[in-house]
Amino acid sequence: MEEQKFVAVPFSLVGFFVTDRDVEESIRNDLTPEELEKLQDLIAKFLFKEGVRVALYPSVVPPDQALDAVNELESMIFGEEANNS
């Protein structure tokens, strides 16, 4: 039986939000695990083909910090050695 090989590919969503409040007051910090799972499922369903799984790091960061956020997610999922390869 042939072993399946999976590849984890970092991606980012780019956008902006408009608010009349302070940035910190506009971002939810109480996202539940169930809500995160629904969000991951929606993104997987609408952006990718069937069979692709999505893992999200629920954070809003400025563009110059996006790579750091992706690296942190990679470390959380695959361990510290992922960033050293």
PDB file of N, CA and C in Angstrom:
ATOM      1  N   MET A   1       0.840  -1.181   0.000  1.00  0.00           N
ATOM      2  CA  MET A   1       0.000   0.000   0.000  1.00  0.00           C
ATOM      3  C   MET A   1       0.885   1.244   0.000  1.00  0.00           C
ATOM      4  N   GLU A   2       0.592   2.168  -0.891  1.00  0.00           N
ATOM      5  CA  GLU A   2       1.403   3.374  -1.021  1.00  0.00           C
ATOM      6  C   GLU A   2       1.070   4.368   0.089  1.00  0.00           C
ATOM      7  N   GLU A   3       2.107   4.935   0.689  1.00  0.00           N
ATOM      8  CA  GLU A   3       1.930   5.906   1.762  1.00  0.00           C
ATOM      9  C   GLU A   3       1.547   7.264   1.177  1.00  0.00           C
ATOM     10  N   GLN A   4       0.512   7.891   1.762  1.00  0.00           N
ATOM     11  CA  GLN A   4       0.108   9.221   1.311  1.00  0.00           C
ATOM     12  C   GLN A   4       1.079  10.249   1.865  1.00  0.00           C
ATOM     13  N   LYS A   5       1.425  11.220   1.051  1.00  0.00           N
ATOM     14  CA  LYS A   5       2.294  12.301   1.488  1.00  0.00           C
ATOM     15  C   LYS A   5       1.493  13.592   1.478  1.00  0.00           C
ATOM     16  N   PHE A   6       1.557  14.302   2.587  1.00  0.00           N
ATOM     17  CA  PHE A   6       0.873  15.579   2.702  1.00  0.00           C
ATOM     18  C   PHE A   6       1.898  16.691   2.780  1.00  0.00           C
ATOM     19  N   VAL A   7       1.547  17.839   2.256  1.00  0.00           N
ATOM     20  CA  VAL A   7       2.411  19.010   2.284  1.00  0.00           C
ATOM     21  C   VAL A   7       1.643  20.140   2.959  1.00  0.00           C
ATOM     22  N   ALA A   8       2.263  20.780   3.929  1.00  0.00           N
ATOM     23  CA  ALA A   8       1.668  21.949   4.577  1.00  0.00           C
ATOM     24  C   ALA A   8       2.204  23.197   3.890  1.00  0.00           C
ATOM     25  N   VAL A   9       1.310  23.974   3.316  1.00  0.00           N
ATOM     26  CA  VAL A   9       1.693  25.164   2.560  1.00  0.00           C
ATOM     27  C   VAL A   9       1.169  26.401   3.281  1.00  0.00           C
ATOM     28  N   PRO A  10       2.066  27.275   3.728  1.00  0.00           N
ATOM     29  CA  PRO A  10       1.601  28.501   4.384  1.00  0.00           C
ATOM     30  C   PRO A  10       0.846  29.385   3.396  1.00  0.00           C
ATOM     31  N   PHE A  11      -0.187  30.061   3.867  1.00  0.00           N
ATOM     32  CA  PHE A  11      -0.904  31.030   3.054  1.00  0.00           C
ATOM     33  C   PHE A  11      -1.379  32.148   3.976  1.00  0.00           C
ATOM     34  N   SER A  12      -1.750  33.244   3.389  1.00  0.00           N
ATOM     35  CA  SER A  12      -2.306  34.337   4.182  1.00  0.00           C
ATOM     36  C   SER A  12      -3.493  34.924   3.447  1.00  0.00           C
ATOM     37  N   LEU A  13      -4.388  35.497   4.204  1.00  0.00           N
ATOM     38  CA  LEU A  13      -5.506  36.233   3.644  1.00  0.00           C
ATOM     39  C   LEU A  13      -5.190  37.707   3.830  1.00  0.00           C
ATOM     40  N   VAL A  14      -5.344  38.474   2.791  1.00  0.00           N
ATOM     41  CA  VAL A  14      -5.032  39.888   2.863  1.00  0.00           C
ATOM     42  C   VAL A  14      -6.327  40.675   2.768  1.00  0.00           C
ATOM     43  N   GLY A  15      -6.467  41.624   3.620  1.00  0.00           N
ATOM     44  CA  GLY A  15      -7.661  42.451   3.598  1.00  0.00           C
ATOM     45  C   GLY A  15      -7.479  43.626   4.535  1.00  0.00           C
ATOM     46  N   PHE A  16      -8.554  44.320   4.768  1.00  0.00           N
ATOM     47  CA  PHE A  16      -8.541  45.389   5.741  1.00  0.00           C
ATOM     48  C   PHE A  16      -9.928  45.511   6.328  1.00  0.00           C
ATOM     49  N   PHE A  17     -10.026  46.169   7.464  1.00  0.00           N
ATOM     50  CA  PHE A  17     -11.330  46.452   8.033  1.00  0.00           C
ATOM     51  C   PHE A  17     -11.411  47.945   8.311  1.00  0.00           C
ATOM     52  N   VAL A  18     -12.632  48.450   8.299  1.00  0.00           N
ATOM     53  CA  VAL A  18     -12.882  49.868   8.515  1.00  0.00           C
ATOM     54  C   VAL A  18     -13.668  50.004   9.810  1.00  0.00           C
ATOM     55  N   THR A  19     -13.233  50.895  10.665  1.00  0.00           N
ATOM     56  CA  THR A  19     -13.893  51.076  11.950  1.00  0.00           C
ATOM     57  C   THR A  19     -13.762  52.518  12.403  1.00  0.00           C
ATOM     58  N   ASP A  20     -14.670  52.925  13.251  1.00  0.00           N
ATOM     59  CA  ASP A  20     -14.562  54.250  13.852  1.00  0.00           C
ATOM     60  C   ASP A  20     -14.113  54.148  15.315  1.00  0.00           C
ATOM     61  N   ARG A  21     -13.699  52.933  15.713  1.00  0.00           N
ATOM     62  CA  ARG A  21     -13.206  52.691  17.075  1.00  0.00           C
ATOM     63  C   ARG A  21     -11.707  52.443  17.034  1.00  0.00           C
ATOM     64  N   ASP A  22     -11.093  52.381  18.200  1.00  0.00           N
ATOM     65  CA  ASP A  22      -9.690  51.983  18.278  1.00  0.00           C
ATOM     66  C   ASP A  22      -9.561  50.569  17.730  1.00  0.00           C
ATOM     67  N   VAL A  23      -8.442  50.279  17.109  1.00  0.00           N
ATOM     68  CA  VAL A  23      -8.217  48.965  16.519  1.00  0.00           C
ATOM     69  C   VAL A  23      -8.431  47.862  17.561  1.00  0.00           C
ATOM     70  N   GLU A  24      -7.852  48.017  18.733  1.00  0.00           N
ATOM     71  CA  GLU A  24      -7.963  46.994  19.779  1.00  0.00           C
ATOM     72  C   GLU A  24      -9.413  46.734  20.182  1.00  0.00           C
ATOM     73  N   GLU A  25     -10.269  47.754  20.069  1.00  0.00           N
ATOM     74  CA  GLU A  25     -11.679  47.603  20.437  1.00  0.00           C
ATOM     75  C   GLU A  25     -12.501  46.973  19.311  1.00  0.00           C
ATOM     76  N   SER A  26     -11.906  46.814  18.148  1.00  0.00           N
ATOM     77  CA  SER A  26     -12.620  46.299  16.983  1.00  0.00           C
ATOM     78  C   SER A  26     -12.389  44.813  16.747  1.00  0.00           C
ATOM     79  N   ILE A  27     -11.393  44.242  17.380  1.00  0.00           N
ATOM     80  CA  ILE A  27     -11.019  42.849  17.137  1.00  0.00           C
ATOM     81  C   ILE A  27     -11.488  41.986  18.299  1.00  0.00           C
ATOM     82  N   ARG A  28     -12.218  40.928  17.959  1.00  0.00           N
ATOM     83  CA  ARG A  28     -12.669  39.993  19.000  1.00  0.00           C
ATOM     84  C   ARG A  28     -11.484  39.230  19.560  1.00  0.00           C
ATOM     85  N   ASN A  29     -11.498  39.000  20.848  1.00  0.00           N
ATOM     86  CA  ASN A  29     -10.459  38.185  21.474  1.00  0.00           C
ATOM     87  C   ASN A  29     -11.069  37.003  22.219  1.00  0.00           C
ATOM     88  N   ASP A  30     -12.319  36.695  21.901  1.00  0.00           N
ATOM     89  CA  ASP A  30     -13.022  35.613  22.586  1.00  0.00           C
ATOM     90  C   ASP A  30     -13.499  34.520  21.637  1.00  0.00           C
ATOM     91  N   LEU A  31     -12.764  34.321  20.547  1.00  0.00           N
ATOM     92  CA  LEU A  31     -13.109  33.296  19.570  1.00  0.00           C
ATOM     93  C   LEU A  31     -13.038  31.919  20.224  1.00  0.00           C
ATOM     94  N   THR A  32     -14.116  31.163  20.147  1.00  0.00           N
ATOM     95  CA  THR A  32     -14.136  29.835  20.759  1.00  0.00           C
ATOM     96  C   THR A  32     -13.512  28.812  19.804  1.00  0.00           C
ATOM     97  N   PRO A  33     -13.079  27.679  20.336  1.00  0.00           N
ATOM     98  CA  PRO A  33     -12.564  26.617  19.459  1.00  0.00           C
ATOM     99  C   PRO A  33     -13.598  26.178  18.414  1.00  0.00           C
ATOM    100  N   GLU A  34     -14.851  26.169  18.782  1.00  0.00           N
ATOM    101  CA  GLU A  34     -15.902  25.774  17.844  1.00  0.00           C
ATOM    102  C   GLU A  34     -16.038  26.798  16.714  1.00  0.00           C
ATOM    103  N   GLU A  35     -15.966  28.085  17.055  1.00  0.00           N
ATOM    104  CA  GLU A  35     -16.041  29.130  16.033  1.00  0.00           C
ATOM    105  C   GLU A  35     -14.830  29.071  15.105  1.00  0.00           C
ATOM    106  N   LEU A  36     -13.651  28.827  15.673  1.00  0.00           N
ATOM    107  CA  LEU A  36     -12.443  28.704  14.867  1.00  0.00           C
ATOM    108  C   LEU A  36     -12.558  27.530  13.898  1.00  0.00           C
ATOM    109  N   GLU A  37     -13.094  26.421  14.377  1.00  0.00           N
ATOM    110  CA  GLU A  37     -13.273  25.249  13.512  1.00  0.00           C
ATOM    111  C   GLU A  37     -14.238  25.561  12.368  1.00  0.00           C
ATOM    112  N   LYS A  38     -15.330  26.272  12.665  1.00  0.00           N
ATOM    113  CA  LYS A  38     -16.276  26.667  11.611  1.00  0.00           C
ATOM    114  C   LYS A  38     -15.595  27.573  10.587  1.00  0.00           C
ATOM    115  N   LEU A  39     -14.806  28.522  11.066  1.00  0.00           N
ATOM    116  CA  LEU A  39     -14.099  29.442  10.165  1.00  0.00           C
ATOM    117  C   LEU A  39     -13.126  28.681   9.265  1.00  0.00           C
ATOM    118  N   GLN A  40     -12.384  27.743   9.841  1.00  0.00           N
ATOM    119  CA  GLN A  40     -11.459  26.918   9.062  1.00  0.00           C
ATOM    120  C   GLN A  40     -12.208  26.112   8.017  1.00  0.00           C
ATOM    121  N   ASP A  41     -13.336  25.541   8.401  1.00  0.00           N
ATOM    122  CA  ASP A  41     -14.142  24.755   7.461  1.00  0.00           C
ATOM    123  C   ASP A  41     -14.673  25.618   6.315  1.00  0.00           C
ATOM    124  N   LEU A  42     -15.122  26.837   6.636  1.00  0.00           N
ATOM    125  CA  LEU A  42     -15.627  27.740   5.596  1.00  0.00           C
ATOM    126  C   LEU A  42     -14.531  28.134   4.617  1.00  0.00           C
ATOM    127  N   ILE A  43     -13.376  28.474   5.129  1.00  0.00           N
ATOM    128  CA  ILE A  43     -12.274  28.857   4.244  1.00  0.00           C
ATOM    129  C   ILE A  43     -11.858  27.678   3.378  1.00  0.00           C
ATOM    130  N   ALA A  44     -11.769  26.505   3.984  1.00  0.00           N
ATOM    131  CA  ALA A  44     -11.416  25.316   3.200  1.00  0.00           C
ATOM    132  C   ALA A  44     -12.445  25.062   2.113  1.00  0.00           C
ATOM    133  N   LYS A  45     -13.724  25.210   2.437  1.00  0.00           N
ATOM    134  CA  LYS A  45     -14.799  24.934   1.481  1.00  0.00           C
ATOM    135  C   LYS A  45     -14.818  25.926   0.321  1.00  0.00           C
ATOM    136  N   PHE A  46     -14.624  27.200   0.614  1.00  0.00           N
ATOM    137  CA  PHE A  46     -14.805  28.224  -0.411  1.00  0.00           C
ATOM    138  C   PHE A  46     -13.532  28.627  -1.145  1.00  0.00           C
ATOM    139  N   LEU A  47     -12.367  28.386  -0.569  1.00  0.00           N
ATOM    140  CA  LEU A  47     -11.129  28.788  -1.224  1.00  0.00           C
ATOM    141  C   LEU A  47     -10.350  27.634  -1.835  1.00  0.00           C
ATOM    142  N   PHE A  48     -10.583  26.428  -1.359  1.00  0.00           N
ATOM    143  CA  PHE A  48      -9.779  25.291  -1.795  1.00  0.00           C
ATOM    144  C   PHE A  48     -10.667  24.176  -2.326  1.00  0.00           C
ATOM    145  N   LYS A  49     -10.045  23.241  -2.995  1.00  0.00           N
ATOM    146  CA  LYS A  49     -10.766  22.086  -3.523  1.00  0.00           C
ATOM    147  C   LYS A  49     -10.998  21.073  -2.406  1.00  0.00           C
ATOM    148  N   GLU A  50     -11.916  20.153  -2.669  1.00  0.00           N
ATOM    149  CA  GLU A  50     -12.296  19.140  -1.688  1.00  0.00           C
ATOM    150  C   GLU A  50     -11.074  18.345  -1.219  1.00  0.00           C
ATOM    151  N   GLY A  51     -11.027  18.079   0.067  1.00  0.00           N
ATOM    152  CA  GLY A  51      -9.940  17.289   0.640  1.00  0.00           C
ATOM    153  C   GLY A  51      -8.819  18.108   1.247  1.00  0.00           C
ATOM    154  N   VAL A  52      -8.837  19.429   1.044  1.00  0.00           N
ATOM    155  CA  VAL A  52      -7.803  20.295   1.620  1.00  0.00           C
ATOM    156  C   VAL A  52      -8.239  20.714   3.010  1.00  0.00           C
ATOM    157  N   ARG A  53      -7.353  20.560   3.971  1.00  0.00           N
ATOM    158  CA  ARG A  53      -7.632  20.980   5.352  1.00  0.00           C
ATOM    159  C   ARG A  53      -6.931  22.300   5.614  1.00  0.00           C
ATOM    160  N   VAL A  54      -7.532  23.134   6.439  1.00  0.00           N
ATOM    161  CA  VAL A  54      -7.002  24.462   6.737  1.00  0.00           C
ATOM    162  C   VAL A  54      -6.800  24.597   8.241  1.00  0.00           C
ATOM    163  N   ALA A  55      -5.659  25.159   8.624  1.00  0.00           N
ATOM    164  CA  ALA A  55      -5.391  25.517  10.017  1.00  0.00           C
ATOM    165  C   ALA A  55      -5.164  27.020  10.056  1.00  0.00           C
ATOM    166  N   LEU A  56      -5.846  27.688  10.955  1.00  0.00           N
ATOM    167  CA  LEU A  56      -5.734  29.136  11.059  1.00  0.00           C
ATOM    168  C   LEU A  56      -5.115  29.556  12.387  1.00  0.00           C
ATOM    169  N   TYR A  57      -4.436  30.656  12.321  1.00  0.00           N
ATOM    170  CA  TYR A  57      -3.918  31.334  13.501  1.00  0.00           C
ATOM    171  C   TYR A  57      -4.790  32.577  13.657  1.00  0.00           C
ATOM    172  N   PRO A  58      -5.689  32.585  14.633  1.00  0.00           N
ATOM    173  CA  PRO A  58      -6.667  33.675  14.720  1.00  0.00           C
ATOM    174  C   PRO A  58      -6.032  34.966  15.233  1.00  0.00           C
ATOM    175  N   SER A  59      -5.438  35.696  14.314  1.00  0.00           N
ATOM    176  CA  SER A  59      -4.738  36.909  14.687  1.00  0.00           C
ATOM    177  C   SER A  59      -4.815  37.915  13.546  1.00  0.00           C
ATOM    178  N   VAL A  60      -4.965  39.156  13.898  1.00  0.00           N
ATOM    179  CA  VAL A  60      -4.922  40.227  12.914  1.00  0.00           C
ATOM    180  C   VAL A  60      -3.584  40.932  13.117  1.00  0.00           C
ATOM    181  N   VAL A  61      -2.764  40.909  12.079  1.00  0.00           N
ATOM    182  CA  VAL A  61      -1.428  41.501  12.189  1.00  0.00           C
ATOM    183  C   VAL A  61      -1.187  42.439  11.011  1.00  0.00           C
ATOM    184  N   PRO A  62      -0.351  43.451  11.218  1.00  0.00           N
ATOM    185  CA  PRO A  62       0.031  44.305  10.095  1.00  0.00           C
ATOM    186  C   PRO A  62       0.821  43.490   9.074  1.00  0.00           C
ATOM    187  N   PRO A  63       0.815  43.902   7.822  1.00  0.00           N
ATOM    188  CA  PRO A  63       1.500  43.134   6.768  1.00  0.00           C
ATOM    189  C   PRO A  63       2.956  42.818   7.082  1.00  0.00           C
ATOM    190  N   ASP A  64       3.670  43.716   7.728  1.00  0.00           N
ATOM    191  CA  ASP A  64       5.084  43.466   8.002  1.00  0.00           C
ATOM    192  C   ASP A  64       5.294  42.416   9.093  1.00  0.00           C
ATOM    193  N   GLN A  65       4.217  41.981   9.753  1.00  0.00           N
ATOM    194  CA  GLN A  65       4.318  40.941  10.777  1.00  0.00           C
ATOM    195  C   GLN A  65       3.693  39.618  10.341  1.00  0.00           C
ATOM    196  N   ALA A  66       3.209  39.547   9.114  1.00  0.00           N
ATOM    197  CA  ALA A  66       2.511  38.349   8.644  1.00  0.00           C
ATOM    198  C   ALA A  66       3.414  37.121   8.636  1.00  0.00           C
ATOM    199  N   LEU A  67       4.653  37.262   8.185  1.00  0.00           N
ATOM    200  CA  LEU A  67       5.564  36.117   8.144  1.00  0.00           C
ATOM    201  C   LEU A  67       5.805  35.569   9.543  1.00  0.00           C
ATOM    202  N   ASP A  68       5.974  36.444  10.516  1.00  0.00           N
ATOM    203  CA  ASP A  68       6.160  35.995  11.897  1.00  0.00           C
ATOM    204  C   ASP A  68       4.947  35.207  12.390  1.00  0.00           C
ATOM    205  N   ALA A  69       3.743  35.654  12.029  1.00  0.00           N
ATOM    206  CA  ALA A  69       2.531  34.953  12.439  1.00  0.00           C
ATOM    207  C   ALA A  69       2.454  33.569  11.798  1.00  0.00           C
ATOM    208  N   VAL A  70       2.812  33.467  10.514  1.00  0.00           N
ATOM    209  CA  VAL A  70       2.816  32.167   9.825  1.00  0.00           C
ATOM    210  C   VAL A  70       3.841  31.246  10.485  1.00  0.00           C
ATOM    211  N   ASN A  71       5.021  31.754  10.797  1.00  0.00           N
ATOM    212  CA  ASN A  71       6.048  30.943  11.451  1.00  0.00           C
ATOM    213  C   ASN A  71       5.597  30.467  12.823  1.00  0.00           C
ATOM    214  N   GLU A  72       4.892  31.319  13.560  1.00  0.00           N
ATOM    215  CA  GLU A  72       4.394  30.927  14.880  1.00  0.00           C
ATOM    216  C   GLU A  72       3.361  29.814  14.755  1.00  0.00           C
ATOM    217  N   LEU A  73       2.466  29.920  13.776  1.00  0.00           N
ATOM    218  CA  LEU A  73       1.486  28.859  13.538  1.00  0.00           C
ATOM    219  C   LEU A  73       2.187  27.559  13.170  1.00  0.00           C
ATOM    220  N   GLU A  74       3.183  27.645  12.301  1.00  0.00           N
ATOM    221  CA  GLU A  74       3.940  26.458  11.888  1.00  0.00           C
ATOM    222  C   GLU A  74       4.583  25.788  13.099  1.00  0.00           C
ATOM    223  N   SER A  75       5.149  26.567  13.986  1.00  0.00           N
ATOM    224  CA  SER A  75       5.768  26.017  15.199  1.00  0.00           C
ATOM    225  C   SER A  75       4.733  25.368  16.104  1.00  0.00           C
ATOM    226  N   MET A  76       3.550  25.994  16.203  1.00  0.00           N
ATOM    227  CA  MET A  76       2.498  25.430  17.050  1.00  0.00           C
ATOM    228  C   MET A  76       2.045  24.073  16.525  1.00  0.00           C
ATOM    229  N   ILE A  77       1.959  23.929  15.215  1.00  0.00           N
ATOM    230  CA  ILE A  77       1.447  22.690  14.630  1.00  0.00           C
ATOM    231  C   ILE A  77       2.531  21.625  14.497  1.00  0.00           C
ATOM    232  N   PHE A  78       3.695  22.011  14.011  1.00  0.00           N
ATOM    233  CA  PHE A  78       4.728  21.034  13.678  1.00  0.00           C
ATOM    234  C   PHE A  78       5.911  21.020  14.640  1.00  0.00           C
ATOM    235  N   GLY A  79       5.938  21.927  15.592  1.00  0.00           N
ATOM    236  CA  GLY A  79       7.046  21.970  16.536  1.00  0.00           C
ATOM    237  C   GLY A  79       8.133  22.909  16.073  1.00  0.00           C
ATOM    238  N   GLU A  80       9.042  23.202  16.955  1.00  0.00           N
ATOM    239  CA  GLU A  80      10.129  24.157  16.690  1.00  0.00           C
ATOM    240  C   GLU A  80      11.009  23.737  15.525  1.00  0.00           C
ATOM    241  N   GLU A  81      11.189  22.434  15.310  1.00  0.00           N
ATOM    242  CA  GLU A  81      12.090  21.994  14.244  1.00  0.00           C
ATOM    243  C   GLU A  81      11.578  22.386  12.861  1.00  0.00           C
ATOM    244  N   ALA A  82      10.288  22.694  12.724  1.00  0.00           N
ATOM    245  CA  ALA A  82       9.724  23.083  11.428  1.00  0.00           C
ATOM    246  C   ALA A  82      10.362  24.368  10.916  1.00  0.00           C
ATOM    247  N   ASN A  83      10.650  25.299  11.795  1.00  0.00           N
ATOM    248  CA  ASN A  83      11.229  26.567  11.383  1.00  0.00           C
ATOM    249  C   ASN A  83      12.726  26.439  11.082  1.00  0.00           C
ATOM    250  N   ASN A  84      13.341  25.366  11.509  1.00  0.00           N
ATOM    251  CA  ASN A  84      14.763  25.171  11.307  1.00  0.00           C
ATOM    252  C   ASN A  84      15.086  24.381  10.041  1.00  0.00           C
ATOM    253  N   SER A  85      14.048  23.902   9.354  1.00  0.00           N
ATOM    254  CA  SER A  85      14.293  23.098   8.141  1.00  0.00           C
ATOM    255  C   SER A  85      14.362  23.935   6.908  1.00  0.00           C
TER     256      SER A  85
END
